[in-house]
């Protein structure tokens, strides 16, 4: 990887000087700091790294430089779900996909030749000429699974999780309301949406149920392993 980064620095110098880009030395600092990490960084994250390396550059200058770095193909912008725009390295002849933890927001890069070949085969089968593609897998990383509470209130569940109802808390009114909705202890449910406020939507036996924040606090669930 170090050799690849050194090659990219040389290409950066050649392309930027060839295009007579202004403030080359400061722009080169942005590239060097960006190549120091394999993380997927926001603009603010890159600005913070620059400061840690002793470089005080104007945020607008950093943003402009990142646009140029993307334009010349040394980086690309990515956005996972509704999260912030991030920047990642764009190494030539290397493709990778991502797994994103919905709990801690960790981003894991992976490469799998079988998946790459299968996507090419599927495209050909449909007579489709593939130009580019990306695969994003959302779930829970191994570390979060270790720390995941066995029993949690439904309101804490994440979109996409599969859970089993273990208990109802609260008074008889809440229990009767849940029972009238058709929810029972032992039911296996899927989380369709949960924005963290207002109503959340769950699925049970091909039916959707909208449940308010207060009522979701009273439903105790467990992750299906």
C-alpha atoms as a PDB file:
ATOM      1  CA  UNK A   1       0.000   0.000   0.000  1.00  0.00           C
ATOM      2  CA  UNK A   2       2.901   2.365   0.773  1.00  0.00           C
ATOM      3  CA  UNK A   3       4.277   1.818  -2.741  1.00  0.00           C
ATOM      4  CA  UNK A   4       0.848   2.616  -4.235  1.00  0.00           C
ATOM      5  CA  UNK A   5       0.662   5.834  -2.208  1.00  0.00           C
ATOM      6  CA  UNK A   6       4.141   6.869  -3.338  1.00  0.00           C
ATOM      7  CA  UNK A   7       3.116   6.296  -6.963  1.00  0.00           C
ATOM      8  CA  UNK A   8      -0.013   8.386  -6.451  1.00  0.00           C
ATOM      9  CA  UNK A   9       1.992  11.230  -4.926  1.00  0.00           C
ATOM     10  CA  UNK A  10       4.240  11.277  -7.997  1.00  0.00           C
ATOM     11  CA  UNK A  11       1.209  11.221 -10.300  1.00  0.00           C
ATOM     12  CA  UNK A  12      -0.355  14.010  -8.241  1.00  0.00           C
ATOM     13  CA  UNK A  13       2.738  16.174  -8.662  1.00  0.00           C
ATOM     14  CA  UNK A  14       2.844  15.541 -12.390  1.00  0.00           C
ATOM     15  CA  UNK A  15      -0.853  16.198 -13.060  1.00  0.00           C
ATOM     16  CA  UNK A  16      -1.229  19.246 -10.841  1.00  0.00           C
ATOM     17  CA  UNK A  17       1.929  20.933 -12.150  1.00  0.00           C
ATOM     18  CA  UNK A  18       0.922  20.052 -15.681  1.00  0.00           C
ATOM     19  CA  UNK A  19      -2.415  21.834 -15.091  1.00  0.00           C
ATOM     20  CA  UNK A  20      -0.653  24.793 -13.383  1.00  0.00           C
ATOM     21  CA  UNK A  21      -2.824  24.412 -10.278  1.00  0.00           C
ATOM     22  CA  UNK A  22      -2.139  27.204  -7.795  1.00  0.00           C
ATOM     23  CA  UNK A  23      -0.859  26.720  -4.209  1.00  0.00           C
ATOM     24  CA  UNK A  24       0.563  23.338  -5.114  1.00  0.00           C
ATOM     25  CA  UNK A  25       2.591  22.821  -1.926  1.00  0.00           C
ATOM     26  CA  UNK A  26      -0.424  23.337   0.344  1.00  0.00           C
ATOM     27  CA  UNK A  27      -2.585  21.126  -1.848  1.00  0.00           C
ATOM     28  CA  UNK A  28       0.062  18.429  -1.681  1.00  0.00           C
ATOM     29  CA  UNK A  29      -0.173  18.583   2.132  1.00  0.00           C
ATOM     30  CA  UNK A  30      -3.891  17.761   1.882  1.00  0.00           C
ATOM     31  CA  UNK A  31      -3.144  14.729  -0.306  1.00  0.00           C
ATOM     32  CA  UNK A  32      -0.356  13.494   1.981  1.00  0.00           C
ATOM     33  CA  UNK A  33      -2.545  13.671   5.079  1.00  0.00           C
ATOM     34  CA  UNK A  34      -5.460  12.056   3.217  1.00  0.00           C
ATOM     35  CA  UNK A  35      -3.245   9.124   2.173  1.00  0.00           C
ATOM     36  CA  UNK A  36      -2.055   8.587   5.758  1.00  0.00           C
ATOM     37  CA  UNK A  37      -5.299   6.921   6.777  1.00  0.00           C
ATOM     38  CA  UNK A  38      -7.455   4.162   5.318  1.00  0.00           C
ATOM     39  CA  UNK A  39     -10.540   5.584   7.041  1.00  0.00           C
ATOM     40  CA  UNK A  40     -13.471   7.138   5.216  1.00  0.00           C
ATOM     41  CA  UNK A  41     -13.137  10.792   6.208  1.00  0.00           C
ATOM     42  CA  UNK A  42     -15.464  13.767   6.185  1.00  0.00           C
ATOM     43  CA  UNK A  43     -14.119  17.218   5.284  1.00  0.00           C
ATOM     44  CA  UNK A  44     -13.982  18.071   8.990  1.00  0.00           C
ATOM     45  CA  UNK A  45     -12.106  14.850   9.676  1.00  0.00           C
ATOM     46  CA  UNK A  46      -9.469  15.746   7.086  1.00  0.00           C
ATOM     47  CA  UNK A  47      -9.197  19.284   8.476  1.00  0.00           C
ATOM     48  CA  UNK A  48      -8.629  17.802  11.941  1.00  0.00           C
ATOM     49  CA  UNK A  49      -5.902  15.486  10.593  1.00  0.00           C
ATOM     50  CA  UNK A  50      -4.216  18.458   8.939  1.00  0.00           C
ATOM     51  CA  UNK A  51      -4.178  20.299  12.279  1.00  0.00           C
ATOM     52  CA  UNK A  52      -2.724  17.241  14.028  1.00  0.00           C
ATOM     53  CA  UNK A  53       0.089  17.295  11.471  1.00  0.00           C
ATOM     54  CA  UNK A  54       0.749  20.985  12.107  1.00  0.00           C
ATOM     55  CA  UNK A  55      -1.006  22.349   8.996  1.00  0.00           C
ATOM     56  CA  UNK A  56      -3.424  25.256   9.485  1.00  0.00           C
ATOM     57  CA  UNK A  57      -5.253  25.532   6.167  1.00  0.00           C
ATOM     58  CA  UNK A  58      -8.444  27.421   5.383  1.00  0.00           C
ATOM     59  CA  UNK A  59     -11.454  25.013   5.384  1.00  0.00           C
ATOM     60  CA  UNK A  60     -12.680  26.394   2.041  1.00  0.00           C
ATOM     61  CA  UNK A  61      -9.221  25.766   0.570  1.00  0.00           C
ATOM     62  CA  UNK A  62      -9.335  22.164   1.855  1.00  0.00           C
ATOM     63  CA  UNK A  63     -12.791  21.636   0.316  1.00  0.00           C
ATOM     64  CA  UNK A  64     -11.641  23.048  -3.015  1.00  0.00           C
ATOM     65  CA  UNK A  65      -8.540  20.849  -2.937  1.00  0.00           C
ATOM     66  CA  UNK A  66     -10.618  17.748  -2.225  1.00  0.00           C
ATOM     67  CA  UNK A  67     -12.759  18.562  -5.268  1.00  0.00           C
ATOM     68  CA  UNK A  68      -9.591  18.709  -7.365  1.00  0.00           C
ATOM     69  CA  UNK A  69      -8.290  15.473  -5.834  1.00  0.00           C
ATOM     70  CA  UNK A  70     -11.579  13.801  -6.803  1.00  0.00           C
ATOM     71  CA  UNK A  71     -11.512  15.386 -10.257  1.00  0.00           C
ATOM     72  CA  UNK A  72      -8.078  13.916 -10.949  1.00  0.00           C
ATOM     73  CA  UNK A  73      -9.172  10.515  -9.656  1.00  0.00           C
ATOM     74  CA  UNK A  74      -7.174  10.209  -6.427  1.00  0.00           C
ATOM     75  CA  UNK A  75     -10.303  10.119  -4.236  1.00  0.00           C
ATOM     76  CA  UNK A  76     -14.030   9.688  -4.537  1.00  0.00           C
ATOM     77  CA  UNK A  77     -17.010  10.917  -2.548  1.00  0.00           C
ATOM     78  CA  UNK A  78     -19.261   8.351  -0.894  1.00  0.00           C
ATOM     79  CA  UNK A  79     -22.361   8.605   1.255  1.00  0.00           C
ATOM     80  CA  UNK A  80     -23.836   5.763   3.280  1.00  0.00           C
ATOM     81  CA  UNK A  81     -27.579   5.973   3.964  1.00  0.00           C
ATOM     82  CA  UNK A  82     -28.361   9.473   5.254  1.00  0.00           C
ATOM     83  CA  UNK A  83     -24.885   9.996   6.708  1.00  0.00           C
ATOM     84  CA  UNK A  84     -22.406  12.754   5.817  1.00  0.00           C
ATOM     85  CA  UNK A  85     -20.374  12.887   2.613  1.00  0.00           C
ATOM     86  CA  UNK A  86     -17.072  11.079   3.082  1.00  0.00           C
ATOM     87  CA  UNK A  87     -13.923  10.722   1.005  1.00  0.00           C
ATOM     88  CA  UNK A  88     -12.040   7.511   0.332  1.00  0.00           C
ATOM     89  CA  UNK A  89      -8.936   6.604  -1.653  1.00  0.00           C
ATOM     90  CA  UNK A  90      -9.466   5.684  -5.283  1.00  0.00           C
ATOM     91  CA  UNK A  91      -6.690   3.270  -6.157  1.00  0.00           C
ATOM     92  CA  UNK A  92      -6.501   2.331  -9.810  1.00  0.00           C
ATOM     93  CA  UNK A  93      -7.317  -1.287 -10.727  1.00  0.00           C
ATOM     94  CA  UNK A  94      -8.606  -1.954  -7.208  1.00  0.00           C
ATOM     95  CA  UNK A  95     -12.306  -2.279  -6.427  1.00  0.00           C
ATOM     96  CA  UNK A  96     -13.783  -2.903  -3.016  1.00  0.00           C
ATOM     97  CA  UNK A  97     -17.206  -2.904  -1.384  1.00  0.00           C
ATOM     98  CA  UNK A  98     -18.415  -1.890   2.052  1.00  0.00           C
ATOM     99  CA  UNK A  99     -20.084  -3.260   5.157  1.00  0.00           C
ATOM    100  CA  UNK A 100     -21.554  -0.554   7.404  1.00  0.00           C
ATOM    101  CA  UNK A 101     -22.447  -1.129  11.062  1.00  0.00           C
ATOM    102  CA  UNK A 102     -25.748   0.599  11.846  1.00  0.00           C
ATOM    103  CA  UNK A 103     -24.859   0.837  15.532  1.00  0.00           C
ATOM    104  CA  UNK A 104     -21.297   2.209  15.753  1.00  0.00           C
ATOM    105  CA  UNK A 105     -21.137   3.426  12.089  1.00  0.00           C
ATOM    106  CA  UNK A 106     -17.918   1.451  11.483  1.00  0.00           C
ATOM    107  CA  UNK A 107     -17.152   1.001   7.776  1.00  0.00           C
ATOM    108  CA  UNK A 108     -15.436  -2.213   6.720  1.00  0.00           C
ATOM    109  CA  UNK A 109     -13.929  -2.591   3.246  1.00  0.00           C
ATOM    110  CA  UNK A 110     -13.855  -6.007   1.620  1.00  0.00           C
ATOM    111  CA  UNK A 111     -13.015  -7.635  -1.709  1.00  0.00           C
ATOM    112  CA  UNK A 112     -14.554 -10.816  -3.041  1.00  0.00           C
ATOM    113  CA  UNK A 113     -13.764 -12.135  -6.504  1.00  0.00           C
ATOM    114  CA  UNK A 114     -16.815 -14.411  -6.566  1.00  0.00           C
ATOM    115  CA  UNK A 115     -19.129 -11.433  -6.026  1.00  0.00           C
ATOM    116  CA  UNK A 116     -17.309  -9.420  -8.703  1.00  0.00           C
ATOM    117  CA  UNK A 117     -17.547 -12.264 -11.212  1.00  0.00           C
ATOM    118  CA  UNK A 118     -21.207 -12.900 -10.380  1.00  0.00           C
ATOM    119  CA  UNK A 119     -22.126  -9.264 -10.995  1.00  0.00           C
ATOM    120  CA  UNK A 120     -20.421  -9.433 -14.397  1.00  0.00           C
ATOM    121  CA  UNK A 121     -22.256 -12.662 -15.262  1.00  0.00           C
ATOM    122  CA  UNK A 122     -25.632 -11.229 -14.226  1.00  0.00           C
ATOM    123  CA  UNK A 123     -25.033  -8.084 -16.298  1.00  0.00           C
ATOM    124  CA  UNK A 124     -24.141 -10.152 -19.352  1.00  0.00           C
ATOM    125  CA  UNK A 125     -27.189 -12.387 -18.870  1.00  0.00           C
ATOM    126  CA  UNK A 126     -29.397  -9.297 -19.126  1.00  0.00           C
ATOM    127  CA  UNK A 127     -27.449  -7.879 -22.054  1.00  0.00           C
ATOM    128  CA  UNK A 128     -26.349  -5.007 -19.817  1.00  0.00           C
ATOM    129  CA  UNK A 129     -23.009  -3.257 -20.195  1.00  0.00           C
ATOM    130  CA  UNK A 130     -21.844  -2.486 -16.652  1.00  0.00           C
ATOM    131  CA  UNK A 131     -19.817   0.707 -16.247  1.00  0.00           C
ATOM    132  CA  UNK A 132     -19.510   0.806 -12.483  1.00  0.00           C
ATOM    133  CA  UNK A 133     -21.124  -0.680  -9.408  1.00  0.00           C
ATOM    134  CA  UNK A 134     -21.094  -0.634  -5.628  1.00  0.00           C
ATOM    135  CA  UNK A 135     -22.225  -3.034  -2.934  1.00  0.00           C
ATOM    136  CA  UNK A 136     -23.161  -1.832   0.552  1.00  0.00           C
ATOM    137  CA  UNK A 137     -24.114  -4.290   3.282  1.00  0.00           C
ATOM    138  CA  UNK A 138     -25.780  -2.832   6.383  1.00  0.00           C
ATOM    139  CA  UNK A 139     -25.813  -4.748   9.628  1.00  0.00           C
ATOM    140  CA  UNK A 140     -24.091  -5.079  13.012  1.00  0.00           C
ATOM    141  CA  UNK A 141     -20.339  -5.583  13.365  1.00  0.00           C
ATOM    142  CA  UNK A 142     -18.828  -8.301  15.555  1.00  0.00           C
ATOM    143  CA  UNK A 143     -17.816  -5.853  18.284  1.00  0.00           C
ATOM    144  CA  UNK A 144     -21.317  -4.400  18.565  1.00  0.00           C
ATOM    145  CA  UNK A 145     -22.808  -7.901  18.615  1.00  0.00           C
ATOM    146  CA  UNK A 146     -20.606  -8.728  21.610  1.00  0.00           C
ATOM    147  CA  UNK A 147     -21.814  -5.643  23.452  1.00  0.00           C
ATOM    148  CA  UNK A 148     -25.408  -5.881  22.242  1.00  0.00           C
ATOM    149  CA  UNK A 149     -27.819  -6.203  25.160  1.00  0.00           C
ATOM    150  CA  UNK A 150     -29.739  -9.467  25.030  1.00  0.00           C
ATOM    151  CA  UNK A 151     -32.967  -7.751  26.044  1.00  0.00           C
ATOM    152  CA  UNK A 152     -33.751  -4.231  24.861  1.00  0.00           C
ATOM    153  CA  UNK A 153     -36.850  -2.058  24.503  1.00  0.00           C
ATOM    154  CA  UNK A 154     -38.177  -2.096  20.966  1.00  0.00           C
ATOM    155  CA  UNK A 155     -37.546   1.645  20.640  1.00  0.00           C
ATOM    156  CA  UNK A 156     -33.772   0.940  20.624  1.00  0.00           C
ATOM    157  CA  UNK A 157     -33.953  -1.483  17.679  1.00  0.00           C
ATOM    158  CA  UNK A 158     -32.317  -0.577  14.389  1.00  0.00           C
ATOM    159  CA  UNK A 159     -33.844  -0.672  10.925  1.00  0.00           C
ATOM    160  CA  UNK A 160     -33.372  -4.106   9.376  1.00  0.00           C
ATOM    161  CA  UNK A 161     -33.055  -6.021  12.653  1.00  0.00           C
ATOM    162  CA  UNK A 162     -35.004  -9.219  13.238  1.00  0.00           C
ATOM    163  CA  UNK A 163     -36.241  -9.579  16.805  1.00  0.00           C
ATOM    164  CA  UNK A 164     -38.429 -11.722  19.008  1.00  0.00           C
ATOM    165  CA  UNK A 165     -40.878 -10.201  21.501  1.00  0.00           C
ATOM    166  CA  UNK A 166     -39.962 -11.396  25.003  1.00  0.00           C
ATOM    167  CA  UNK A 167     -42.137  -9.298  27.317  1.00  0.00           C
ATOM    168  CA  UNK A 168     -44.508  -6.353  27.713  1.00  0.00           C
ATOM    169  CA  UNK A 169     -43.972  -3.835  30.498  1.00  0.00           C
ATOM    170  CA  UNK A 170     -46.258  -1.077  31.714  1.00  0.00           C
ATOM    171  CA  UNK A 171     -49.815  -1.313  32.959  1.00  0.00           C
ATOM    172  CA  UNK A 172     -52.755  -3.382  31.830  1.00  0.00           C
ATOM    173  CA  UNK A 173     -53.902  -0.652  29.415  1.00  0.00           C
ATOM    174  CA  UNK A 174     -50.660  -0.873  27.405  1.00  0.00           C
ATOM    175  CA  UNK A 175     -50.791  -4.672  27.423  1.00  0.00           C
ATOM    176  CA  UNK A 176     -54.375  -4.693  26.185  1.00  0.00           C
ATOM    177  CA  UNK A 177     -53.539  -2.202  23.448  1.00  0.00           C
ATOM    178  CA  UNK A 178     -50.626  -4.310  22.230  1.00  0.00           C
ATOM    179  CA  UNK A 179     -52.747  -7.444  22.388  1.00  0.00           C
ATOM    180  CA  UNK A 180     -55.512  -5.762  20.377  1.00  0.00           C
ATOM    181  CA  UNK A 181     -52.934  -4.898  17.707  1.00  0.00           C
ATOM    182  CA  UNK A 182     -52.172  -8.599  17.364  1.00  0.00           C
ATOM    183  CA  UNK A 183     -48.736  -8.560  19.031  1.00  0.00           C
ATOM    184  CA  UNK A 184     -47.921 -11.510  21.271  1.00  0.00           C
ATOM    185  CA  UNK A 185     -44.930 -12.643  23.321  1.00  0.00           C
ATOM    186  CA  UNK A 186     -42.879 -14.957  21.123  1.00  0.00           C
ATOM    187  CA  UNK A 187     -43.725 -13.154  17.873  1.00  0.00           C
ATOM    188  CA  UNK A 188     -40.791 -12.628  15.501  1.00  0.00           C
ATOM    189  CA  UNK A 189     -40.766  -9.147  13.980  1.00  0.00           C
ATOM    190  CA  UNK A 190     -38.744  -7.146  11.452  1.00  0.00           C
ATOM    191  CA  UNK A 191     -37.880  -3.474  11.939  1.00  0.00           C
ATOM    192  CA  UNK A 192     -38.963  -1.631   8.787  1.00  0.00           C
ATOM    193  CA  UNK A 193     -38.210   1.946   9.890  1.00  0.00           C
ATOM    194  CA  UNK A 194     -37.051   3.603  13.085  1.00  0.00           C
ATOM    195  CA  UNK A 195     -35.887   7.212  12.847  1.00  0.00           C
ATOM    196  CA  UNK A 196     -35.394   7.517  16.612  1.00  0.00           C
ATOM    197  CA  UNK A 197     -38.392   9.772  17.114  1.00  0.00           C
ATOM    198  CA  UNK A 198     -42.083   9.595  16.362  1.00  0.00           C
ATOM    199  CA  UNK A 199     -43.549   6.350  15.093  1.00  0.00           C
ATOM    200  CA  UNK A 200     -41.600   3.291  14.042  1.00  0.00           C
ATOM    201  CA  UNK A 201     -42.869   0.620  11.665  1.00  0.00           C
ATOM    202  CA  UNK A 202     -42.489  -3.113  12.262  1.00  0.00           C
ATOM    203  CA  UNK A 203     -43.558  -6.134  10.233  1.00  0.00           C
ATOM    204  CA  UNK A 204     -45.187  -9.301  11.552  1.00  0.00           C
ATOM    205  CA  UNK A 205     -46.563 -12.055   9.306  1.00  0.00           C
ATOM    206  CA  UNK A 206     -46.534  -9.778   6.216  1.00  0.00           C
ATOM    207  CA  UNK A 207     -48.438  -7.053   8.092  1.00  0.00           C
ATOM    208  CA  UNK A 208     -47.096  -3.610   8.994  1.00  0.00           C
ATOM    209  CA  UNK A 209     -47.677  -1.955  12.355  1.00  0.00           C
ATOM    210  CA  UNK A 210     -46.953   1.676  13.255  1.00  0.00           C
ATOM    211  CA  UNK A 211     -46.004   1.990  16.912  1.00  0.00           C
ATOM    212  CA  UNK A 212     -45.423   5.229  18.805  1.00  0.00           C
ATOM    213  CA  UNK A 213     -42.241   5.935  20.771  1.00  0.00           C
ATOM    214  CA  UNK A 214     -43.947   5.569  24.165  1.00  0.00           C
ATOM    215  CA  UNK A 215     -45.542   2.230  23.381  1.00  0.00           C
ATOM    216  CA  UNK A 216     -42.333   0.891  21.817  1.00  0.00           C
ATOM    217  CA  UNK A 217     -40.606   1.513  25.172  1.00  0.00           C
ATOM    218  CA  UNK A 218     -42.932  -1.062  26.730  1.00  0.00           C
ATOM    219  CA  UNK A 219     -42.120  -3.876  24.300  1.00  0.00           C
ATOM    220  CA  UNK A 220     -39.049  -5.894  25.333  1.00  0.00           C
ATOM    221  CA  UNK A 221     -37.327  -7.717  22.497  1.00  0.00           C
ATOM    222  CA  UNK A 222     -34.302  -9.904  21.848  1.00  0.00           C
ATOM    223  CA  UNK A 223     -32.111 -10.169  18.780  1.00  0.00           C
ATOM    224  CA  UNK A 224     -32.603 -13.332  16.762  1.00  0.00           C
ATOM    225  CA  UNK A 225     -29.122 -14.853  16.438  1.00  0.00           C
END
